Amino acid sequence: MMDTIKKQKSREYPAISLPKAVEMARRVYDKDRWVEAPALTAVKHMGYAGLNGGSRPVLSALKKYGLVEYLGSSDNMRVKLTDLAKRILLPASEAERAEAVREAMNAPVIHGELLEAFPNWDLPSDETLSARLEREFGLQNAAVKSFVSDLRDSLEYVGSFRQSRLNVVHDDRPGANQNLGAGNDAGEAVDAGMMKLPMPRSSTFIVMPQVLDALEARRILSWLSRVVTPAVKFASESEDIAEEIRA
């Protein structure tokens, strides 16, 4: 009996990945901020023509992730972004965003059951996972492939918000060491999942996650072109001037 109940409940799964759901929530926020909106208006903000077979599963996915709540019902249903969505879209800190993203990831019922079956999201191969999803979780064969793909994308997205500690700048002068990571002890190394990029002709490093989503990658490239490239050029010119003076 319990197996039957579990299978029936587990058929409810989010139709899109978590990063896509967050993007859809952001589109709603860009238009209506935190004000509740008619469901039809909300899905139009997301890019859909109306409440139909394409938009309803997406709206349902946002609710499964805990990003929206439904107010009213039927033709009068309204949609409102939740506090969880606010902590992802407008976090007080990156630590708050990381925690909120993990909370959203674990919100769908089937995700919670998978996390129980595979602690710490230590998933097997796609083939093994697919077989178990059909056999133990009641997913239909036609849905398994897209669900596994969305699940992997969601886990990668969550990993990109892993709370990290930045490295420390070391200086031999007494009292000159500066801790760049809030709450870290001096000398603490960069966490796994982070990469440290050295600046040319400098003791400075840039620390960033090894896994970046497309939006964050574009932001970093824009920042590099506007800030770091001129700084490198200035450092190079300063070095040339110093060599001329020494000569």
Protein backbone atom coordinates (compact mmCIF):
# COMPACT_ATOMS: atom_id res chain seq x y z
CA MET A 1 0.00 0.00 0.00
CA MET A 2 2.81 2.43 0.93
CA ASP A 3 4.59 1.71 -2.37
CA THR A 4 1.39 2.56 -4.26
CA ILE A 5 0.98 5.84 -2.36
CA LYS A 6 4.60 6.73 -2.95
CA LYS A 7 4.34 6.11 -6.67
CA GLN A 8 1.16 8.16 -7.01
CA LYS A 9 2.64 11.07 -5.09
CA SER A 10 5.96 10.92 -6.90
CA ARG A 11 4.40 11.36 -10.33
CA GLU A 12 4.16 15.05 -9.46
CA TYR A 13 7.47 16.50 -10.58
CA PRO A 14 8.58 19.96 -11.78
CA ALA A 15 8.31 20.29 -15.55
CA ILE A 16 11.39 22.54 -15.78
CA SER A 17 14.77 22.77 -14.09
CA LEU A 18 15.41 25.01 -11.10
CA PRO A 19 17.54 27.57 -13.02
CA LYS A 20 14.79 27.95 -15.59
CA ALA A 21 12.21 28.32 -12.83
CA VAL A 22 14.29 31.05 -11.20
CA GLU A 23 14.55 32.82 -14.56
CA MET A 24 10.76 32.68 -14.96
CA ALA A 25 10.33 34.07 -11.44
CA ARG A 26 12.73 36.87 -12.33
CA ARG A 27 10.63 37.78 -15.36
CA VAL A 28 7.57 38.07 -13.15
CA TYR A 29 9.52 40.18 -10.67
CA ASP A 30 10.80 42.48 -13.43
CA LYS A 31 7.23 43.32 -14.39
CA ASP A 32 5.24 43.25 -11.15
CA ARG A 33 7.83 43.14 -8.38
CA TRP A 34 6.19 41.52 -5.32
CA VAL A 35 2.61 42.47 -6.19
CA GLU A 36 0.25 39.56 -6.82
CA ALA A 37 -0.79 39.23 -10.46
CA PRO A 38 -3.50 37.31 -12.31
CA ALA A 39 -2.16 33.93 -13.41
CA LEU A 40 -2.74 34.88 -17.05
CA THR A 41 -0.66 38.03 -16.61
CA ALA A 42 2.11 36.11 -14.85
CA VAL A 43 2.54 33.56 -17.63
CA LYS A 44 2.53 36.37 -20.21
CA HIS A 45 5.40 37.96 -18.27
CA MET A 46 7.18 34.61 -18.68
CA GLY A 47 6.75 34.76 -22.45
CA TYR A 48 3.65 32.61 -22.99
CA ALA A 49 0.58 33.67 -24.94
CA GLY A 50 -1.84 32.44 -22.30
CA LEU A 51 -2.77 29.75 -19.80
CA ASN A 52 -2.36 26.62 -21.87
CA GLY A 53 -0.62 23.27 -22.03
CA GLY A 54 2.76 24.98 -22.32
CA SER A 55 2.46 27.56 -19.56
CA ARG A 56 0.48 25.68 -16.89
CA PRO A 57 3.20 23.06 -16.19
CA VAL A 58 5.77 25.88 -15.91
CA LEU A 59 3.61 27.81 -13.46
CA SER A 60 3.07 24.59 -11.53
CA ALA A 61 6.83 23.99 -11.44
CA LEU A 62 7.41 27.40 -9.85
CA LYS A 63 4.94 26.45 -7.13
CA LYS A 64 6.65 23.07 -6.59
CA TYR A 65 9.98 24.85 -6.12
CA GLY A 66 8.31 27.20 -3.64
CA LEU A 67 8.89 30.30 -5.78
CA VAL A 68 5.23 31.31 -6.11
CA GLU A 69 2.01 30.83 -4.21
CA TYR A 70 -1.50 30.62 -5.62
CA LEU A 71 -4.20 32.98 -4.40
CA GLY A 72 -7.80 32.21 -5.32
CA SER A 73 -8.71 29.54 -7.84
CA SER A 74 -9.97 28.85 -11.35
CA ASP A 75 -10.37 31.98 -13.51
CA ASN A 76 -9.71 34.21 -10.50
CA MET A 77 -6.40 32.62 -9.57
CA ARG A 78 -3.59 35.04 -8.83
CA VAL A 79 0.13 34.42 -8.48
CA LYS A 80 2.53 35.97 -6.00
CA LEU A 81 6.26 35.50 -5.58
CA THR A 82 7.21 34.02 -2.22
CA ASP A 83 9.74 35.00 0.41
CA LEU A 84 11.91 32.14 -0.88
CA ALA A 85 11.92 33.75 -4.35
CA LYS A 86 12.91 37.05 -2.74
CA ARG A 87 15.84 35.43 -0.97
CA ILE A 88 17.04 34.09 -4.33
CA LEU A 89 16.38 37.16 -6.49
CA LEU A 90 17.26 39.85 -3.94
CA PRO A 91 19.32 38.19 -1.22
CA ALA A 92 20.79 40.05 1.72
CA SER A 93 24.00 38.10 1.11
CA GLU A 94 25.39 35.38 -1.13
CA ALA A 95 25.15 32.99 1.81
CA GLU A 96 21.41 33.67 2.00
CA ARG A 97 21.04 33.09 -1.74
CA ALA A 98 22.98 29.81 -1.54
CA GLU A 99 20.76 28.56 1.29
CA ALA A 100 17.57 29.65 -0.52
CA VAL A 101 18.62 27.91 -3.74
CA ARG A 102 19.21 24.68 -1.84
CA GLU A 103 15.81 25.05 -0.16
CA ALA A 104 14.12 25.48 -3.54
CA MET A 105 15.97 22.45 -4.90
CA ASN A 106 14.66 20.24 -2.11
CA ALA A 107 11.09 21.60 -2.17
CA PRO A 108 9.49 19.33 -4.83
CA VAL A 109 8.16 16.13 -3.28
CA ILE A 110 10.03 13.87 -5.67
CA HIS A 111 13.29 15.74 -5.02
CA GLY A 112 12.87 15.15 -1.31
CA GLU A 113 12.31 11.45 -1.90
CA LEU A 114 15.32 11.22 -4.20
CA LEU A 115 17.46 12.99 -1.62
CA GLU A 116 16.34 10.42 0.92
CA ALA A 117 17.22 7.61 -1.49
CA PHE A 118 20.53 9.22 -2.53
CA PRO A 119 21.93 11.20 0.43
CA ASN A 120 23.85 14.36 -0.50
CA TRP A 121 22.51 13.96 -4.06
CA ASP A 122 25.07 11.25 -4.75
CA LEU A 123 23.26 10.05 -7.88
CA PRO A 124 24.12 6.95 -9.91
CA SER A 125 24.49 6.89 -13.69
CA ASP A 126 21.65 8.22 -15.81
CA GLU A 127 20.78 4.66 -16.87
CA THR A 128 20.51 3.36 -13.31
CA LEU A 129 18.69 6.47 -12.11
CA SER A 130 16.20 6.26 -14.99
CA ALA A 131 15.41 2.63 -14.22
CA ARG A 132 14.80 3.39 -10.55
CA LEU A 133 12.65 6.42 -11.38
CA GLU A 134 10.36 4.19 -13.41
CA ARG A 135 10.38 1.22 -11.07
CA GLU A 136 10.37 2.88 -7.64
CA PHE A 137 9.07 6.41 -8.19
CA GLY A 138 6.39 5.78 -10.76
CA LEU A 139 7.60 8.13 -13.49
CA GLN A 140 6.45 7.26 -16.98
CA ASN A 141 9.14 6.28 -19.45
CA ALA A 142 8.43 9.28 -21.68
CA ALA A 143 9.09 11.69 -18.80
CA VAL A 144 12.24 10.13 -17.38
CA LYS A 145 14.84 11.46 -19.82
CA SER A 146 13.81 15.11 -19.55
CA PHE A 147 13.41 14.81 -15.77
CA VAL A 148 16.93 13.43 -15.34
CA SER A 149 18.34 16.19 -17.58
CA ASP A 150 16.51 18.87 -15.58
CA LEU A 151 17.66 17.28 -12.33
CA ARG A 152 21.31 17.37 -13.41
CA ASP A 153 20.97 20.99 -14.54
CA SER A 154 19.37 21.90 -11.23
CA LEU A 155 22.12 20.26 -9.20
CA GLU A 156 24.79 22.03 -11.25
CA TYR A 157 22.96 25.30 -10.62
CA VAL A 158 22.84 24.66 -6.88
CA GLY A 159 26.55 23.82 -6.94
CA SER A 160 27.35 27.17 -8.55
CA PHE A 161 26.05 28.87 -5.40
CA ARG A 162 28.18 26.80 -3.05
CA GLN A 163 29.15 28.95 -0.10
CA SER A 164 32.84 29.63 -0.45
CA ARG A 165 35.62 31.22 1.49
CA LEU A 166 37.99 33.51 -0.34
CA ASN A 167 41.71 33.17 0.07
CA VAL A 168 43.82 35.53 2.13
CA VAL A 169 46.34 38.03 0.80
CA HIS A 170 49.62 37.38 2.56
CA ASP A 171 52.13 40.13 3.24
CA ASP A 172 55.37 39.65 5.18
CA ARG A 173 55.02 43.03 6.84
CA PRO A 174 53.77 42.82 10.47
CA GLY A 175 50.01 43.24 10.65
CA ALA A 176 49.71 43.55 6.88
CA ASN A 177 47.73 40.37 6.25
CA GLN A 178 44.21 41.17 5.14
CA ASN A 179 41.39 38.68 5.26
CA LEU A 180 39.29 38.94 2.12
CA GLY A 181 36.69 36.38 3.21
CA ALA A 182 34.23 37.41 5.89
CA GLY A 183 34.53 35.27 8.98
CA ASN A 184 37.59 33.31 7.79
CA ASP A 185 40.74 32.63 9.73
CA ALA A 186 43.97 33.96 8.26
CA GLY A 187 45.70 31.48 6.02
CA GLU A 188 42.53 29.56 5.13
CA ALA A 189 42.66 28.04 1.64
CA VAL A 190 40.17 28.38 -1.16
CA ASP A 191 37.35 25.85 -0.86
CA ALA A 192 36.90 23.04 -3.34
CA GLY A 193 34.88 24.19 -6.30
CA MET A 194 36.67 27.53 -6.49
CA MET A 195 39.49 28.62 -8.77
CA LYS A 196 42.14 31.25 -8.08
CA LEU A 197 43.34 33.22 -11.09
CA PRO A 198 46.64 35.14 -10.75
CA MET A 199 46.85 38.69 -12.09
CA PRO A 200 49.81 39.16 -14.47
CA ARG A 201 52.80 40.85 -12.85
CA SER A 202 50.99 41.07 -9.54
CA SER A 203 50.54 39.24 -6.25
CA THR A 204 46.78 39.72 -6.63
CA PHE A 205 44.40 36.86 -7.36
CA ILE A 206 40.82 36.71 -8.60
CA VAL A 207 38.76 33.98 -6.93
CA MET A 208 35.59 32.67 -8.54
CA PRO A 209 33.53 29.45 -8.75
CA GLN A 210 34.68 26.81 -11.19
CA VAL A 211 31.07 26.35 -12.33
CA LEU A 212 29.27 29.43 -13.64
CA ASP A 213 25.88 29.79 -15.25
CA ALA A 214 25.69 31.69 -18.54
CA LEU A 215 24.44 34.94 -16.97
CA GLU A 216 27.15 35.02 -14.32
CA ALA A 217 29.82 34.23 -16.91
CA ARG A 218 28.70 37.19 -19.02
CA ARG A 219 28.80 39.46 -15.98
CA ILE A 220 32.33 38.38 -15.14
CA LEU A 221 33.53 38.86 -18.71
CA SER A 222 32.02 42.34 -18.76
CA TRP A 223 33.68 43.16 -15.45
CA LEU A 224 37.04 41.82 -16.64
CA SER A 225 36.91 43.94 -19.79
CA ARG A 226 35.98 47.12 -17.90
CA VAL A 227 38.07 46.79 -14.75
CA VAL A 228 40.77 44.15 -14.91
CA THR A 229 42.04 44.75 -18.46
CA PRO A 230 42.79 48.47 -17.82
CA ALA A 231 44.36 47.54 -14.48
CA VAL A 232 46.67 45.00 -16.14
CA LYS A 233 47.62 47.58 -18.78
CA PHE A 234 48.37 50.15 -16.07
CA ALA A 235 50.46 47.64 -14.11
CA SER A 236 52.43 46.77 -17.23
CA GLU A 237 53.08 50.43 -18.07
CA SER A 238 54.11 51.14 -14.48
CA GLU A 239 56.58 48.26 -14.62
CA ASP A 240 58.10 49.64 -17.83
CA ILE A 241 58.43 53.08 -16.26
CA ALA A 242 60.09 51.60 -13.17
CA GLU A 243 62.61 49.75 -15.34
CA GLU A 244 63.41 52.96 -17.25
CA ILE A 245 64.03 54.79 -13.97
CA ARG A 246 66.27 52.01 -12.66
CA ALA A 247 68.24 52.08 -15.90
